[in-house]
Amino acid sequence: MADKPLTILVAGPDADATRPVENGLAGAGGRDRITVVHGFADLPARVAALAPDAVVAVLETSAPATLDGVFRLARSGACAVVLFADKAPPGAAAQAAEAGVAAFVLDGLHPARVRPILETALARFAAFETLKRERDEARTQLADRKLIERAKGILMQQKSLTEEAAYNALRKAAMKQGRRIADIAQSVITAAQIEL
């Protein structure tokens, strides 16, 4: 992360609140693209337009609506979210973790700490996104295997094929049509449902 310039959106109620973050991020030699917004009302639109690597939100009060907005942003998975707050209601840290906030720092906004906290949050966000991608791939593979097993069963029953011959028929059709075996399996299942 130190090699690549980052796009960072800093959000806070006013310039006094965001200044420590700006000062903490200034040490990157001006390579990072830092955008500062005051207020949280249009934060989702700003994130959509800017596509930042991270959002650093600074809260002086823990207004439930503002916290909820930051948590929704974190749940969207659009980017890493770092939250600095002077105080927070009981349970806010657990809610932040559940929402996917990469770093939640209470009463600890010091310019010297901003960059290491941000880098840690970006690393955690990247690791979590990798885990989500791997989970989704595993789910897709499992669903594909289930389709293939079902299609093999149909072919074995309708065409009196062995399991190996049924799989080879699916594979051959997939190669011939330039499609995935799971897609061919779905077609076999759909055709069998229509015939019933």
N, C-alpha and C. Protein backbone atom coordinates (compact mmCIF):
# COMPACT_ATOMS: atom_id res chain seq x y z
N MET A 1 0.81 -1.19 0.00
CA MET A 1 0.00 0.00 0.00
C MET A 1 0.86 1.26 0.00
N ALA A 2 2.05 1.15 0.51
CA ALA A 2 2.92 2.31 0.55
C ALA A 2 3.40 2.67 -0.86
N ASP A 3 3.39 1.70 -1.80
CA ASP A 3 3.88 1.94 -3.15
C ASP A 3 2.83 2.61 -4.03
N LYS A 4 1.58 2.37 -3.77
CA LYS A 4 0.51 2.84 -4.64
C LYS A 4 -0.18 4.05 -4.02
N PRO A 5 -0.34 5.12 -4.78
CA PRO A 5 -1.10 6.25 -4.27
C PRO A 5 -2.55 5.83 -3.99
N LEU A 6 -3.08 6.31 -2.91
CA LEU A 6 -4.43 5.94 -2.50
C LEU A 6 -5.41 7.07 -2.78
N THR A 7 -6.65 6.70 -2.97
CA THR A 7 -7.74 7.67 -3.04
C THR A 7 -8.49 7.54 -1.73
N ILE A 8 -8.51 8.62 -0.96
CA ILE A 8 -9.09 8.59 0.37
C ILE A 8 -10.14 9.69 0.48
N LEU A 9 -11.30 9.30 0.97
CA LEU A 9 -12.36 10.27 1.23
C LEU A 9 -12.44 10.46 2.74
N VAL A 10 -12.23 11.69 3.19
CA VAL A 10 -12.29 12.02 4.61
C VAL A 10 -13.60 12.77 4.84
N ALA A 11 -14.38 12.28 5.79
CA ALA A 11 -15.67 12.90 6.08
C ALA A 11 -15.76 13.25 7.56
N GLY A 12 -16.27 14.42 7.83
CA GLY A 12 -16.45 14.86 9.20
C GLY A 12 -17.42 16.01 9.24
N PRO A 13 -17.81 16.40 10.44
CA PRO A 13 -18.82 17.47 10.54
C PRO A 13 -18.30 18.84 10.10
N ASP A 14 -17.00 19.09 10.28
CA ASP A 14 -16.44 20.40 9.91
C ASP A 14 -14.92 20.27 9.75
N ALA A 15 -14.28 21.39 9.37
CA ALA A 15 -12.84 21.40 9.12
C ALA A 15 -12.03 21.09 10.37
N ASP A 16 -12.48 21.52 11.52
CA ASP A 16 -11.76 21.23 12.76
C ASP A 16 -11.71 19.73 13.03
N ALA A 17 -12.78 19.02 12.71
CA ALA A 17 -12.85 17.58 12.95
C ALA A 17 -11.96 16.81 11.99
N THR A 18 -11.91 17.24 10.73
CA THR A 18 -11.16 16.49 9.73
C THR A 18 -9.68 16.86 9.66
N ARG A 19 -9.30 18.01 10.21
CA ARG A 19 -7.92 18.48 10.12
C ARG A 19 -6.88 17.46 10.64
N PRO A 20 -7.09 16.81 11.80
CA PRO A 20 -6.10 15.84 12.26
C PRO A 20 -5.88 14.69 11.27
N VAL A 21 -6.95 14.27 10.60
CA VAL A 21 -6.81 13.21 9.60
C VAL A 21 -6.02 13.72 8.40
N GLU A 22 -6.37 14.90 7.95
CA GLU A 22 -5.63 15.50 6.82
C GLU A 22 -4.15 15.63 7.16
N ASN A 23 -3.85 16.10 8.37
CA ASN A 23 -2.45 16.24 8.79
C ASN A 23 -1.76 14.88 8.86
N GLY A 24 -2.46 13.88 9.34
CA GLY A 24 -1.89 12.55 9.43
C GLY A 24 -1.63 11.91 8.07
N LEU A 25 -2.44 12.26 7.09
CA LEU A 25 -2.27 11.69 5.75
C LEU A 25 -1.30 12.50 4.90
N ALA A 26 -0.96 13.69 5.33
CA ALA A 26 -0.08 14.57 4.55
C ALA A 26 1.33 14.00 4.41
N GLY A 27 1.71 13.07 5.24
CA GLY A 27 3.07 12.52 5.21
C GLY A 27 3.38 11.62 4.04
N ALA A 28 2.45 11.39 3.13
CA ALA A 28 2.70 10.49 2.00
C ALA A 28 3.34 11.21 0.84
N GLY A 29 3.86 12.38 1.07
CA GLY A 29 4.54 13.12 0.00
C GLY A 29 3.60 13.65 -1.05
N GLY A 30 2.34 13.81 -0.70
CA GLY A 30 1.38 14.38 -1.64
C GLY A 30 0.94 13.43 -2.74
N ARG A 31 1.31 12.14 -2.65
CA ARG A 31 0.93 11.19 -3.69
C ARG A 31 -0.52 10.76 -3.60
N ASP A 32 -1.05 10.69 -2.39
CA ASP A 32 -2.42 10.25 -2.21
C ASP A 32 -3.40 11.33 -2.65
N ARG A 33 -4.52 10.88 -3.17
CA ARG A 33 -5.59 11.80 -3.56
C ARG A 33 -6.57 11.85 -2.40
N ILE A 34 -6.61 12.97 -1.71
CA ILE A 34 -7.44 13.10 -0.52
C ILE A 34 -8.56 14.09 -0.82
N THR A 35 -9.78 13.64 -0.62
CA THR A 35 -10.96 14.49 -0.79
C THR A 35 -11.62 14.62 0.57
N VAL A 36 -11.94 15.84 0.96
CA VAL A 36 -12.54 16.08 2.27
C VAL A 36 -13.96 16.61 2.06
N VAL A 37 -14.90 16.02 2.79
CA VAL A 37 -16.29 16.50 2.76
C VAL A 37 -16.72 16.79 4.20
N HIS A 38 -17.51 17.82 4.34
CA HIS A 38 -18.03 18.18 5.65
C HIS A 38 -19.53 17.88 5.66
N GLY A 39 -19.92 16.97 6.53
CA GLY A 39 -21.28 16.49 6.58
C GLY A 39 -21.34 15.08 6.01
N PHE A 40 -22.39 14.36 6.36
CA PHE A 40 -22.50 12.96 5.97
C PHE A 40 -23.69 12.68 5.06
N ALA A 41 -24.48 13.70 4.77
CA ALA A 41 -25.72 13.49 4.02
C ALA A 41 -25.48 12.90 2.64
N ASP A 42 -24.50 13.39 1.92
CA ASP A 42 -24.27 12.91 0.55
C ASP A 42 -23.08 11.95 0.46
N LEU A 43 -22.72 11.33 1.58
CA LEU A 43 -21.55 10.44 1.60
C LEU A 43 -21.68 9.27 0.62
N PRO A 44 -22.80 8.56 0.55
CA PRO A 44 -22.89 7.45 -0.42
C PRO A 44 -22.69 7.91 -1.87
N ALA A 45 -23.24 9.07 -2.21
CA ALA A 45 -23.07 9.58 -3.58
C ALA A 45 -21.61 9.95 -3.84
N ARG A 46 -20.96 10.54 -2.85
CA ARG A 46 -19.54 10.88 -3.00
C ARG A 46 -18.69 9.64 -3.18
N VAL A 47 -19.00 8.60 -2.41
CA VAL A 47 -18.25 7.34 -2.53
C VAL A 47 -18.47 6.74 -3.91
N ALA A 48 -19.70 6.75 -4.39
CA ALA A 48 -19.98 6.22 -5.72
C ALA A 48 -19.23 6.98 -6.81
N ALA A 49 -19.17 8.30 -6.68
CA ALA A 49 -18.51 9.12 -7.69
C ALA A 49 -16.99 9.02 -7.63
N LEU A 50 -16.45 8.93 -6.43
CA LEU A 50 -15.00 8.96 -6.26
C LEU A 50 -14.36 7.58 -6.31
N ALA A 51 -15.09 6.54 -5.91
CA ALA A 51 -14.58 5.16 -5.80
C ALA A 51 -13.27 5.13 -5.01
N PRO A 52 -13.30 5.58 -3.76
CA PRO A 52 -12.07 5.65 -2.98
C PRO A 52 -11.60 4.27 -2.52
N ASP A 53 -10.32 4.20 -2.15
CA ASP A 53 -9.79 3.00 -1.53
C ASP A 53 -10.29 2.90 -0.10
N ALA A 54 -10.50 4.06 0.53
CA ALA A 54 -10.95 4.09 1.92
C ALA A 54 -11.73 5.36 2.19
N VAL A 55 -12.64 5.22 3.16
CA VAL A 55 -13.34 6.37 3.73
C VAL A 55 -12.90 6.46 5.18
N VAL A 56 -12.46 7.65 5.57
CA VAL A 56 -12.13 7.90 6.97
C VAL A 56 -13.18 8.86 7.50
N ALA A 57 -14.02 8.35 8.40
CA ALA A 57 -15.10 9.16 8.96
C ALA A 57 -14.72 9.59 10.37
N VAL A 58 -14.93 10.88 10.65
CA VAL A 58 -14.63 11.43 11.97
C VAL A 58 -15.94 11.92 12.57
N LEU A 59 -16.30 11.34 13.71
CA LEU A 59 -17.55 11.72 14.38
C LEU A 59 -17.23 12.38 15.71
N GLU A 60 -17.80 13.55 15.92
CA GLU A 60 -17.63 14.20 17.22
C GLU A 60 -18.76 13.81 18.16
N THR A 61 -19.91 13.52 17.60
CA THR A 61 -21.03 13.01 18.39
C THR A 61 -21.43 11.68 17.79
N SER A 62 -22.05 10.88 18.59
CA SER A 62 -22.43 9.55 18.10
C SER A 62 -23.92 9.51 17.79
N ALA A 63 -24.35 10.42 16.94
CA ALA A 63 -25.75 10.45 16.53
C ALA A 63 -26.08 9.14 15.83
N PRO A 64 -27.14 8.45 16.26
CA PRO A 64 -27.48 7.16 15.67
C PRO A 64 -27.63 7.20 14.15
N ALA A 65 -28.21 8.25 13.61
CA ALA A 65 -28.40 8.33 12.16
C ALA A 65 -27.07 8.39 11.43
N THR A 66 -26.11 9.13 11.98
CA THR A 66 -24.78 9.23 11.36
C THR A 66 -24.06 7.89 11.45
N LEU A 67 -24.09 7.27 12.63
CA LEU A 67 -23.46 5.95 12.79
C LEU A 67 -24.09 4.95 11.82
N ASP A 68 -25.39 4.93 11.72
CA ASP A 68 -26.08 4.01 10.81
C ASP A 68 -25.65 4.24 9.36
N GLY A 69 -25.50 5.51 8.97
CA GLY A 69 -25.06 5.81 7.61
C GLY A 69 -23.66 5.28 7.34
N VAL A 70 -22.77 5.45 8.30
CA VAL A 70 -21.39 4.94 8.14
C VAL A 70 -21.42 3.41 8.11
N PHE A 71 -22.24 2.79 8.95
CA PHE A 71 -22.34 1.33 8.97
C PHE A 71 -22.90 0.80 7.65
N ARG A 72 -23.90 1.49 7.08
CA ARG A 72 -24.44 1.09 5.77
C ARG A 72 -23.37 1.15 4.70
N LEU A 73 -22.57 2.20 4.76
CA LEU A 73 -21.47 2.33 3.80
C LEU A 73 -20.51 1.16 3.94
N ALA A 74 -20.17 0.79 5.16
CA ALA A 74 -19.27 -0.34 5.38
C ALA A 74 -19.89 -1.64 4.87
N ARG A 75 -21.19 -1.83 5.12
CA ARG A 75 -21.87 -3.05 4.66
C ARG A 75 -21.87 -3.16 3.14
N SER A 76 -21.85 -2.04 2.46
CA SER A 76 -21.88 -2.07 1.00
C SER A 76 -20.63 -2.71 0.41
N GLY A 77 -19.54 -2.69 1.17
CA GLY A 77 -18.29 -3.30 0.69
C GLY A 77 -17.61 -2.50 -0.40
N ALA A 78 -18.02 -1.25 -0.59
CA ALA A 78 -17.44 -0.42 -1.65
C ALA A 78 -15.97 -0.11 -1.40
N CYS A 79 -15.60 0.03 -0.13
CA CYS A 79 -14.22 0.37 0.21
C CYS A 79 -14.01 0.13 1.70
N ALA A 80 -12.76 0.24 2.12
CA ALA A 80 -12.47 0.14 3.55
C ALA A 80 -13.03 1.36 4.26
N VAL A 81 -13.58 1.15 5.45
CA VAL A 81 -14.12 2.26 6.24
C VAL A 81 -13.40 2.30 7.57
N VAL A 82 -12.85 3.48 7.87
CA VAL A 82 -12.19 3.73 9.15
C VAL A 82 -13.03 4.76 9.88
N LEU A 83 -13.33 4.49 11.14
CA LEU A 83 -14.20 5.38 11.91
C LEU A 83 -13.48 5.84 13.17
N PHE A 84 -13.33 7.15 13.28
CA PHE A 84 -12.81 7.77 14.50
C PHE A 84 -14.00 8.45 15.18
N ALA A 85 -14.18 8.18 16.47
CA ALA A 85 -15.28 8.81 17.21
C ALA A 85 -14.78 9.24 18.58
N ASP A 86 -15.25 10.40 19.01
CA ASP A 86 -14.91 10.86 20.36
C ASP A 86 -15.58 9.98 21.40
N LYS A 87 -16.82 9.60 21.14
CA LYS A 87 -17.55 8.69 22.04
C LYS A 87 -18.55 7.93 21.20
N ALA A 88 -19.01 6.82 21.78
CA ALA A 88 -19.99 5.99 21.07
C ALA A 88 -20.90 5.32 22.08
N PRO A 89 -22.13 5.05 21.69
CA PRO A 89 -23.05 4.37 22.61
C PRO A 89 -22.62 2.93 22.85
N PRO A 90 -23.08 2.33 23.93
CA PRO A 90 -22.75 0.92 24.17
C PRO A 90 -23.18 0.05 22.98
N GLY A 91 -22.33 -0.87 22.61
CA GLY A 91 -22.64 -1.77 21.50
C GLY A 91 -22.22 -1.26 20.14
N ALA A 92 -21.76 0.00 20.06
CA ALA A 92 -21.39 0.56 18.75
C ALA A 92 -20.20 -0.18 18.14
N ALA A 93 -19.25 -0.58 18.97
CA ALA A 93 -18.07 -1.30 18.44
C ALA A 93 -18.49 -2.63 17.82
N ALA A 94 -19.39 -3.34 18.48
CA ALA A 94 -19.88 -4.61 17.94
C ALA A 94 -20.65 -4.38 16.64
N GLN A 95 -21.47 -3.33 16.61
CA GLN A 95 -22.20 -3.00 15.39
C GLN A 95 -21.24 -2.66 14.25
N ALA A 96 -20.19 -1.92 14.58
CA ALA A 96 -19.20 -1.54 13.57
C ALA A 96 -18.52 -2.78 13.01
N ALA A 97 -18.14 -3.69 13.89
CA ALA A 97 -17.48 -4.92 13.43
C ALA A 97 -18.42 -5.74 12.56
N GLU A 98 -19.67 -5.86 12.98
CA GLU A 98 -20.66 -6.61 12.22
C GLU A 98 -20.90 -5.99 10.85
N ALA A 99 -20.87 -4.66 10.80
CA ALA A 99 -21.11 -3.95 9.53
C ALA A 99 -19.92 -4.04 8.59
N GLY A 100 -18.75 -4.36 9.12
CA GLY A 100 -17.57 -4.45 8.26
C GLY A 100 -16.66 -3.23 8.33
N VAL A 101 -16.83 -2.39 9.36
CA VAL A 101 -15.92 -1.27 9.55
C VAL A 101 -14.53 -1.86 9.82
N ALA A 102 -13.56 -1.44 9.03
CA ALA A 102 -12.22 -2.04 9.12
C ALA A 102 -11.45 -1.59 10.35
N ALA A 103 -11.73 -0.39 10.84
CA ALA A 103 -11.09 0.11 12.06
C ALA A 103 -12.04 1.08 12.74
N PHE A 104 -12.21 0.89 14.04
CA PHE A 104 -13.09 1.75 14.83
C PHE A 104 -12.28 2.22 16.03
N VAL A 105 -11.94 3.51 16.05
CA VAL A 105 -11.06 4.06 17.08
C VAL A 105 -11.84 5.08 17.90
N LEU A 106 -11.94 4.81 19.19
CA LEU A 106 -12.62 5.73 20.11
C LEU A 106 -11.62 6.61 20.81
N ASP A 107 -11.91 7.89 20.83
CA ASP A 107 -11.09 8.86 21.55
C ASP A 107 -9.60 8.66 21.31
N GLY A 108 -9.23 8.51 20.05
CA GLY A 108 -7.82 8.27 19.75
C GLY A 108 -7.37 8.86 18.44
N LEU A 109 -7.95 9.99 18.05
CA LEU A 109 -7.58 10.61 16.79
C LEU A 109 -6.36 11.50 16.97
N HIS A 110 -5.20 10.96 16.63
CA HIS A 110 -3.94 11.71 16.66
C HIS A 110 -3.31 11.59 15.28
N PRO A 111 -2.86 12.69 14.70
CA PRO A 111 -2.34 12.65 13.34
C PRO A 111 -1.29 11.56 13.10
N ALA A 112 -0.42 11.31 14.05
CA ALA A 112 0.63 10.31 13.87
C ALA A 112 0.07 8.89 13.77
N ARG A 113 -1.13 8.66 14.28
CA ARG A 113 -1.72 7.33 14.26
C ARG A 113 -2.58 7.07 13.03
N VAL A 114 -2.94 8.12 12.30
CA VAL A 114 -3.88 7.97 11.20
C VAL A 114 -3.35 7.04 10.10
N ARG A 115 -2.15 7.28 9.63
CA ARG A 115 -1.60 6.47 8.52
C ARG A 115 -1.48 4.99 8.91
N PRO A 116 -0.88 4.63 10.07
CA PRO A 116 -0.80 3.19 10.40
C PRO A 116 -2.18 2.55 10.57
N ILE A 117 -3.12 3.29 11.14
CA ILE A 117 -4.48 2.74 11.29
C ILE A 117 -5.11 2.52 9.92
N LEU A 118 -4.94 3.48 9.03
CA LEU A 118 -5.48 3.37 7.68
C LEU A 118 -4.86 2.18 6.94
N GLU A 119 -3.55 2.03 7.02
CA GLU A 119 -2.88 0.92 6.33
C GLU A 119 -3.34 -0.43 6.87
N THR A 120 -3.52 -0.51 8.19
CA THR A 120 -4.03 -1.75 8.80
C THR A 120 -5.45 -2.02 8.33
N ALA A 121 -6.27 -0.98 8.29
CA ALA A 121 -7.65 -1.13 7.84
C ALA A 121 -7.72 -1.59 6.38
N LEU A 122 -6.87 -1.03 5.55
CA LEU A 122 -6.85 -1.44 4.14
C LEU A 122 -6.43 -2.90 4.00
N ALA A 123 -5.45 -3.32 4.79
CA ALA A 123 -5.01 -4.72 4.75
C ALA A 123 -6.13 -5.64 5.23
N ARG A 124 -6.82 -5.26 6.31
CA ARG A 124 -7.94 -6.08 6.81
C ARG A 124 -9.06 -6.14 5.79
N PHE A 125 -9.36 -5.03 5.16
CA PHE A 125 -10.42 -4.99 4.15
C PHE A 125 -10.07 -5.91 2.99
N ALA A 126 -8.83 -5.83 2.51
CA ALA A 126 -8.39 -6.69 1.40
C ALA A 126 -8.47 -8.16 1.78
N ALA A 127 -8.04 -8.50 3.00
CA ALA A 127 -8.10 -9.89 3.45
C ALA A 127 -9.55 -10.37 3.54
N PHE A 128 -10.42 -9.53 4.04
CA PHE A 128 -11.83 -9.89 4.16
C PHE A 128 -12.47 -10.07 2.79
N GLU A 129 -12.14 -9.19 1.85
CA GLU A 129 -12.67 -9.31 0.49
C GLU A 129 -12.19 -10.60 -0.17
N THR A 130 -10.94 -10.98 0.08
CA THR A 130 -10.41 -12.25 -0.44
C THR A 130 -11.20 -13.42 0.13
N LEU A 131 -11.46 -13.38 1.43
CA LEU A 131 -12.24 -14.45 2.06
C LEU A 131 -13.66 -14.53 1.47
N LYS A 132 -14.28 -13.38 1.27
CA LYS A 132 -15.63 -13.37 0.69
C LYS A 132 -15.61 -13.94 -0.73
N ARG A 133 -14.60 -13.56 -1.52
CA ARG A 133 -14.50 -14.05 -2.89
C ARG A 133 -14.29 -15.58 -2.90
N GLU A 134 -13.41 -16.07 -2.02
CA GLU A 134 -13.16 -17.51 -1.93
C GLU A 134 -14.42 -18.25 -1.48
N ARG A 135 -15.16 -17.67 -0.53
CA ARG A 135 -16.41 -18.28 -0.09
C ARG A 135 -17.41 -18.36 -1.23
N ASP A 136 -17.54 -17.28 -1.98
CA ASP A 136 -18.47 -17.26 -3.10
C ASP A 136 -18.08 -18.27 -4.18
N GLU A 137 -16.78 -18.38 -4.45
CA GLU A 137 -16.31 -19.37 -5.43
C GLU A 137 -16.60 -20.79 -4.95
N ALA A 138 -16.40 -21.04 -3.66
CA ALA A 138 -16.67 -22.37 -3.11
C ALA A 138 -18.17 -22.69 -3.20
N ARG A 139 -19.01 -21.71 -2.92
CA ARG A 139 -20.46 -21.93 -3.03
C ARG A 139 -20.85 -22.23 -4.47
N THR A 140 -20.25 -21.50 -5.41
CA THR A 140 -20.56 -21.72 -6.82
C THR A 140 -20.11 -23.11 -7.24
N GLN A 141 -18.91 -23.51 -6.82
CA GLN A 141 -18.42 -24.84 -7.17
C GLN A 141 -19.32 -25.93 -6.60
N LEU A 142 -19.77 -25.75 -5.37
CA LEU A 142 -20.65 -26.73 -4.74
C LEU A 142 -21.98 -26.80 -5.49
N ALA A 143 -22.54 -25.65 -5.83
CA ALA A 143 -23.79 -25.62 -6.59
C ALA A 143 -23.61 -26.28 -7.95
N ASP A 144 -22.47 -26.02 -8.60
CA ASP A 144 -22.19 -26.65 -9.90
C ASP A 144 -22.11 -28.16 -9.77
N ARG A 145 -21.44 -28.63 -8.72
CA ARG A 145 -21.31 -30.08 -8.51
C ARG A 145 -22.69 -30.72 -8.30
N LYS A 146 -23.55 -30.02 -7.55
CA LYS A 146 -24.90 -30.55 -7.33
C LYS A 146 -25.67 -30.64 -8.64
N LEU A 147 -25.56 -29.62 -9.48
CA LEU A 147 -26.22 -29.65 -10.79
C LEU A 147 -25.70 -30.81 -11.63
N ILE A 148 -24.40 -30.98 -11.65
CA ILE A 148 -23.79 -32.03 -12.46
C ILE A 148 -24.24 -33.41 -11.96
N GLU A 149 -24.27 -33.59 -10.64
CA GLU A 149 -24.71 -34.87 -10.08
C GLU A 149 -26.16 -35.15 -10.46
N ARG A 150 -27.00 -34.12 -10.37
CA ARG A 150 -28.41 -34.30 -10.74
C ARG A 150 -28.56 -34.64 -12.22
N ALA A 151 -27.82 -33.92 -13.07
CA ALA A 151 -27.89 -34.17 -14.51
C ALA A 151 -27.37 -35.57 -14.84
N LYS A 152 -26.31 -35.99 -14.18
CA LYS A 152 -25.80 -37.35 -14.41
C LYS A 152 -26.87 -38.37 -14.04
N GLY A 153 -27.55 -38.15 -12.92
CA GLY A 153 -28.62 -39.07 -12.51
C GLY A 153 -29.73 -39.15 -13.54
N ILE A 154 -30.09 -38.02 -14.09
CA ILE A 154 -31.14 -37.99 -15.12
C ILE A 154 -30.68 -38.75 -16.35
N LEU A 155 -29.45 -38.48 -16.80
CA LEU A 155 -28.93 -39.18 -17.98
C LEU A 155 -28.80 -40.68 -17.73
N MET A 156 -28.36 -41.04 -16.54
CA MET A 156 -28.22 -42.45 -16.21
C MET A 156 -29.58 -43.14 -16.26
N GLN A 157 -30.61 -42.48 -15.76
CA GLN A 157 -31.95 -43.06 -15.73
C GLN A 157 -32.58 -43.08 -17.12
N GLN A 158 -32.51 -41.95 -17.84
CA GLN A 158 -33.20 -41.85 -19.13
C GLN A 158 -32.48 -42.58 -20.26
N LYS A 159 -31.15 -42.58 -20.21
CA LYS A 159 -30.37 -43.15 -21.32
C LYS A 159 -29.68 -44.46 -20.94
N SER A 160 -29.90 -44.91 -19.72
CA SER A 160 -29.27 -46.15 -19.23
C SER A 160 -27.75 -46.09 -19.35
N LEU A 161 -27.18 -44.96 -18.93
CA LEU A 161 -25.73 -44.77 -18.98
C LEU A 161 -25.11 -45.07 -17.62
N THR A 162 -23.82 -45.39 -17.65
CA THR A 162 -23.09 -45.49 -16.39
C THR A 162 -22.80 -44.07 -15.93
N GLU A 163 -22.37 -43.93 -14.69
CA GLU A 163 -22.05 -42.60 -14.16
C GLU A 163 -20.94 -41.96 -14.97
N GLU A 164 -19.93 -42.74 -15.29
CA GLU A 164 -18.81 -42.21 -16.08
C GLU A 164 -19.26 -41.79 -17.47
N ALA A 165 -20.10 -42.59 -18.11
CA ALA A 165 -20.59 -42.26 -19.45
C ALA A 165 -21.48 -41.02 -19.41
N ALA A 166 -22.27 -40.88 -18.35
CA ALA A 166 -23.12 -39.70 -18.22
C ALA A 166 -22.26 -38.44 -18.07
N TYR A 167 -21.23 -38.53 -17.25
CA TYR A 167 -20.33 -37.38 -17.08
C TYR A 167 -19.63 -37.06 -18.40
N ASN A 168 -19.15 -38.08 -19.09
CA ASN A 168 -18.47 -37.86 -20.37
C ASN A 168 -19.41 -37.21 -21.39
N ALA A 169 -20.69 -37.58 -21.36
CA ALA A 169 -21.66 -36.97 -22.27
C ALA A 169 -21.83 -35.48 -21.96
N LEU A 170 -21.90 -35.17 -20.67
CA LEU A 170 -22.00 -33.75 -20.27
C LEU A 170 -20.76 -32.98 -20.69
N ARG A 171 -19.60 -33.57 -20.44
CA ARG A 171 -18.33 -32.91 -20.78
C ARG A 171 -18.21 -32.70 -22.28
N LYS A 172 -18.57 -33.72 -23.05
CA LYS A 172 -18.48 -33.63 -24.51
C LYS A 172 -19.42 -32.54 -25.04
N ALA A 173 -20.64 -32.46 -24.50
CA ALA A 173 -21.59 -31.43 -24.93
C ALA A 173 -21.06 -30.04 -24.56
N ALA A 174 -20.46 -29.92 -23.40
CA ALA A 174 -19.91 -28.63 -22.97
C ALA A 174 -18.78 -28.19 -23.90
N MET A 175 -17.91 -29.11 -24.23
CA MET A 175 -16.79 -28.77 -25.13
C MET A 175 -17.31 -28.40 -26.52
N LYS A 176 -18.26 -29.17 -26.99
CA LYS A 176 -18.80 -28.94 -28.34
C LYS A 176 -19.50 -27.58 -28.45
N GLN A 177 -20.20 -27.18 -27.37
CA GLN A 177 -20.95 -25.93 -27.38
C GLN A 177 -20.17 -24.75 -26.81
N GLY A 178 -18.97 -25.01 -26.28
CA GLY A 178 -18.17 -23.93 -25.69
C GLY A 178 -18.80 -23.37 -24.42
N ARG A 179 -19.43 -24.23 -23.65
CA ARG A 179 -20.09 -23.82 -22.41
C ARG A 179 -19.51 -24.58 -21.23
N ARG A 180 -19.86 -24.15 -20.04
CA ARG A 180 -19.42 -24.85 -18.84
C ARG A 180 -20.25 -26.11 -18.65
N ILE A 181 -19.66 -27.12 -18.03
CA ILE A 181 -20.38 -28.37 -17.78
C ILE A 181 -21.61 -28.09 -16.93
N ALA A 182 -21.49 -27.21 -15.95
CA ALA A 182 -22.63 -26.89 -15.08
C ALA A 182 -23.78 -26.28 -15.88
N ASP A 183 -23.47 -25.50 -16.91
CA ASP A 183 -24.52 -24.92 -17.75
C ASP A 183 -25.24 -26.00 -18.55
N ILE A 184 -24.48 -26.95 -19.06
CA ILE A 184 -25.07 -28.08 -19.78
C ILE A 184 -25.93 -28.91 -18.82
N ALA A 185 -25.41 -29.12 -17.61
CA ALA A 185 -26.16 -29.87 -16.60
C ALA A 185 -27.50 -29.18 -16.31
N GLN A 186 -27.48 -27.86 -16.18
CA GLN A 186 -28.73 -27.13 -15.94
C GLN A 186 -29.69 -27.32 -17.09
N SER A 187 -29.18 -27.33 -18.33
CA SER A 187 -30.05 -27.55 -19.50
C SER A 187 -30.67 -28.94 -19.46
N VAL A 188 -29.91 -29.95 -19.07
CA VAL A 188 -30.42 -31.32 -18.96
C VAL A 188 -31.54 -31.37 -17.91
N ILE A 189 -31.31 -30.72 -16.78
CA ILE A 189 -32.30 -30.71 -15.69
C ILE A 189 -33.57 -30.00 -16.15
N THR A 190 -33.42 -28.87 -16.82
CA THR A 190 -34.57 -28.12 -17.31
C THR A 190 -35.35 -28.93 -18.33
N ALA A 191 -34.64 -29.58 -19.25
CA ALA A 191 -35.31 -30.41 -20.27
C ALA A 191 -36.07 -31.55 -19.60
N ALA A 192 -35.48 -32.15 -18.58
CA ALA A 192 -36.15 -33.26 -17.90
C ALA A 192 -37.40 -32.76 -17.18
N GLN A 193 -37.37 -31.56 -16.64
CA GLN A 193 -38.54 -31.00 -15.95
C GLN A 193 -39.66 -30.69 -16.94
N ILE A 194 -39.29 -30.26 -18.14
CA ILE A 194 -40.30 -29.96 -19.16
C ILE A 194 -41.00 -31.23 -19.61
N GLU A 195 -40.24 -32.31 -19.72
CA GLU A 195 -40.80 -33.60 -20.17
C GLU A 195 -41.75 -34.18 -19.15
N LEU A 196 -41.55 -33.83 -17.86
CA LEU A 196 -42.43 -34.39 -16.83
C LEU A 196 -43.73 -33.71 -16.87
